[in-house]
Amino acid sequence: MKTRQDHTYGMVHSKQVQVLNITSQIIVGRCVQALYQKQGRSSQFNSRQERDEWINKEVTQLETAAAVKGSSHDELEAQTQQLSSQLMDLSQVTQACLLDSAF
């Protein structure tokens, strides 16, 4: 028999899996897009210096985006920990109520 705690934990886990799946789909989509863009870039630059400048600019933008994603990931981890803690607290309260009502 599933308890309320099991159900709540299952819901939290399910949401985390959904977030990971969506994130994976976005990353794969961006990789495919980057490959298509790469095909057309060979004629985009007149010199190696132009190409290198563009690459350096792209690297800087990607590093910034990665830092933002990293902080978002850290925030989600903190929220997950907080929800897990709340879930444990609710579980303990529920068990205490069940024990009290049994007597």
C-alpha atoms as a PDB file:
ATOM      1  CA  MET A   1       0.000   0.000   0.000  1.00  0.00           C
ATOM      2  CA  LYS A   2       1.400   3.352  -0.999  1.00  0.00           C
ATOM      3  CA  THR A   3       1.618   5.985   1.660  1.00  0.00           C
ATOM      4  CA  ARG A   4       1.164   9.690   1.139  1.00  0.00           C
ATOM      5  CA  GLN A   5       4.918  10.089   1.579  1.00  0.00           C
ATOM      6  CA  ASP A   6       5.574   7.588  -1.219  1.00  0.00           C
ATOM      7  CA  HIS A   7       3.134   9.427  -3.467  1.00  0.00           C
ATOM      8  CA  THR A   8       4.685  12.836  -2.715  1.00  0.00           C
ATOM      9  CA  TYR A   9       8.208  11.504  -3.195  1.00  0.00           C
ATOM     10  CA  GLY A  10       7.118   9.951  -6.482  1.00  0.00           C
ATOM     11  CA  MET A  11       5.715  13.279  -7.643  1.00  0.00           C
ATOM     12  CA  VAL A  12       8.920  15.138  -6.752  1.00  0.00           C
ATOM     13  CA  HIS A  13      11.032  12.487  -8.472  1.00  0.00           C
ATOM     14  CA  SER A  14       8.772  12.568 -11.532  1.00  0.00           C
ATOM     15  CA  LYS A  15       9.162  16.352 -11.830  1.00  0.00           C
ATOM     16  CA  GLN A  16      12.937  16.051 -11.560  1.00  0.00           C
ATOM     17  CA  VAL A  17      12.975  13.431 -14.325  1.00  0.00           C
ATOM     18  CA  GLN A  18      10.808  15.678 -16.521  1.00  0.00           C
ATOM     19  CA  VAL A  19      13.186  18.609 -15.999  1.00  0.00           C
ATOM     20  CA  LEU A  20      16.176  16.432 -16.901  1.00  0.00           C
ATOM     21  CA  ASN A  21      14.447  15.092 -20.019  1.00  0.00           C
ATOM     22  CA  ILE A  22      13.518  18.567 -21.231  1.00  0.00           C
ATOM     23  CA  THR A  23      17.031  19.832 -20.545  1.00  0.00           C
ATOM     24  CA  SER A  24      18.504  16.920 -22.501  1.00  0.00           C
ATOM     25  CA  GLN A  25      16.208  17.617 -25.447  1.00  0.00           C
ATOM     26  CA  ILE A  26      17.231  21.278 -25.466  1.00  0.00           C
ATOM     27  CA  ILE A  27      20.929  20.391 -25.385  1.00  0.00           C
ATOM     28  CA  VAL A  28      20.599  17.882 -28.243  1.00  0.00           C
ATOM     29  CA  GLY A  29      18.630  20.420 -30.268  1.00  0.00           C
ATOM     30  CA  ARG A  30      21.297  23.046 -29.753  1.00  0.00           C
ATOM     31  CA  CYS A  31      24.049  20.619 -30.759  1.00  0.00           C
ATOM     32  CA  VAL A  32      22.248  19.763 -33.994  1.00  0.00           C
ATOM     33  CA  GLN A  33      21.659  23.448 -34.670  1.00  0.00           C
ATOM     34  CA  ALA A  34      25.346  24.172 -34.056  1.00  0.00           C
ATOM     35  CA  LEU A  35      26.347  21.497 -36.566  1.00  0.00           C
ATOM     36  CA  TYR A  36      24.096  22.987 -39.244  1.00  0.00           C
ATOM     37  CA  GLN A  37      25.497  26.433 -38.525  1.00  0.00           C
ATOM     38  CA  LYS A  38      29.036  25.102 -38.783  1.00  0.00           C
ATOM     39  CA  GLN A  39      28.349  23.880 -42.316  1.00  0.00           C
ATOM     40  CA  GLY A  40      27.649  27.420 -43.503  1.00  0.00           C
ATOM     41  CA  ARG A  41      30.437  29.181 -41.616  1.00  0.00           C
ATOM     42  CA  SER A  42      33.297  28.104 -43.850  1.00  0.00           C
ATOM     43  CA  SER A  43      32.427  30.856 -46.335  1.00  0.00           C
ATOM     44  CA  GLN A  44      31.567  33.370 -43.603  1.00  0.00           C
ATOM     45  CA  PHE A  45      35.104  34.528 -42.799  1.00  0.00           C
ATOM     46  CA  ASN A  46      37.659  36.267 -44.975  1.00  0.00           C
ATOM     47  CA  SER A  47      40.630  35.414 -42.795  1.00  0.00           C
ATOM     48  CA  ARG A  48      41.743  33.263 -39.890  1.00  0.00           C
ATOM     49  CA  GLN A  49      41.857  36.346 -37.683  1.00  0.00           C
ATOM     50  CA  GLU A  50      38.170  37.082 -38.371  1.00  0.00           C
ATOM     51  CA  ARG A  51      37.329  33.466 -37.651  1.00  0.00           C
ATOM     52  CA  ASP A  52      39.365  33.435 -34.426  1.00  0.00           C
ATOM     53  CA  GLU A  53      37.750  36.642 -33.192  1.00  0.00           C
ATOM     54  CA  TRP A  54      34.321  35.211 -33.860  1.00  0.00           C
ATOM     55  CA  ILE A  55      35.235  31.952 -32.102  1.00  0.00           C
ATOM     56  CA  ASN A  56      36.554  33.827 -29.059  1.00  0.00           C
ATOM     57  CA  LYS A  57      33.331  35.839 -28.886  1.00  0.00           C
ATOM     58  CA  GLU A  58      31.266  32.647 -29.085  1.00  0.00           C
ATOM     59  CA  VAL A  59      33.363  30.977 -26.368  1.00  0.00           C
ATOM     60  CA  THR A  60      32.824  33.961 -24.068  1.00  0.00           C
ATOM     61  CA  GLN A  61      29.064  33.846 -24.655  1.00  0.00           C
ATOM     62  CA  LEU A  62      28.942  30.099 -24.047  1.00  0.00           C
ATOM     63  CA  GLU A  63      30.963  30.391 -20.839  1.00  0.00           C
ATOM     64  CA  THR A  64      28.545  33.037 -19.585  1.00  0.00           C
ATOM     65  CA  ALA A  65      25.574  30.853 -20.480  1.00  0.00           C
ATOM     66  CA  ALA A  66      27.194  27.867 -18.750  1.00  0.00           C
ATOM     67  CA  ALA A  67      27.721  29.905 -15.596  1.00  0.00           C
ATOM     68  CA  VAL A  68      24.058  30.930 -15.597  1.00  0.00           C
ATOM     69  CA  LYS A  69      22.958  27.327 -16.146  1.00  0.00           C
ATOM     70  CA  GLY A  70      25.273  26.198 -13.354  1.00  0.00           C
ATOM     71  CA  SER A  71      23.722  28.635 -10.909  1.00  0.00           C
ATOM     72  CA  SER A  72      20.234  27.542 -12.011  1.00  0.00           C
ATOM     73  CA  HIS A  73      21.267  23.943 -11.440  1.00  0.00           C
ATOM     74  CA  ASP A  74      22.568  24.822  -7.971  1.00  0.00           C
ATOM     75  CA  GLU A  75      19.272  26.558  -7.160  1.00  0.00           C
ATOM     76  CA  LEU A  76      17.326  23.484  -8.281  1.00  0.00           C
ATOM     77  CA  GLU A  77      19.533  21.248  -6.158  1.00  0.00           C
ATOM     78  CA  ALA A  78      18.891  23.485  -3.138  1.00  0.00           C
ATOM     79  CA  GLN A  79      15.148  23.391  -3.804  1.00  0.00           C
ATOM     80  CA  THR A  80      15.279  19.622  -4.114  1.00  0.00           C
ATOM     81  CA  GLN A  81      17.059  19.348  -0.782  1.00  0.00           C
ATOM     82  CA  GLN A  82      14.527  21.676   0.808  1.00  0.00           C
ATOM     83  CA  LEU A  83      11.601  19.676  -0.603  1.00  0.00           C
ATOM     84  CA  SER A  84      13.155  16.433   0.589  1.00  0.00           C
ATOM     85  CA  SER A  85      13.545  17.884   4.067  1.00  0.00           C
ATOM     86  CA  GLN A  86       9.942  19.089   4.067  1.00  0.00           C
ATOM     87  CA  LEU A  87       8.829  15.677   2.863  1.00  0.00           C
ATOM     88  CA  MET A  88      10.637  14.000   5.748  1.00  0.00           C
ATOM     89  CA  ASP A  89       9.077  16.458   8.216  1.00  0.00           C
ATOM     90  CA  LEU A  90       5.606  15.797   6.818  1.00  0.00           C
ATOM     91  CA  SER A  91       6.222  12.083   6.969  1.00  0.00           C
ATOM     92  CA  GLN A  92       7.142  12.288  10.625  1.00  0.00           C
ATOM     93  CA  VAL A  93       4.062  14.401  11.402  1.00  0.00           C
ATOM     94  CA  THR A  94       1.848  11.979   9.468  1.00  0.00           C
ATOM     95  CA  GLN A  95       3.263   8.984  11.319  1.00  0.00           C
ATOM     96  CA  ALA A  96       2.790  10.748  14.654  1.00  0.00           C
ATOM     97  CA  CYS A  97      -0.832  11.531  13.777  1.00  0.00           C
ATOM     98  CA  LEU A  98      -1.462   7.959  12.725  1.00  0.00           C
ATOM     99  CA  LEU A  99       0.004   6.652  15.970  1.00  0.00           C
ATOM    100  CA  ASP A 100      -2.077   9.117  18.001  1.00  0.00           C
ATOM    101  CA  SER A 101      -5.287   8.184  16.192  1.00  0.00           C
ATOM    102  CA  ALA A 102      -4.613   4.486  16.729  1.00  0.00           C
ATOM    103  CA  PHE A 103      -4.944   4.927  20.496  1.00  0.00           C
END
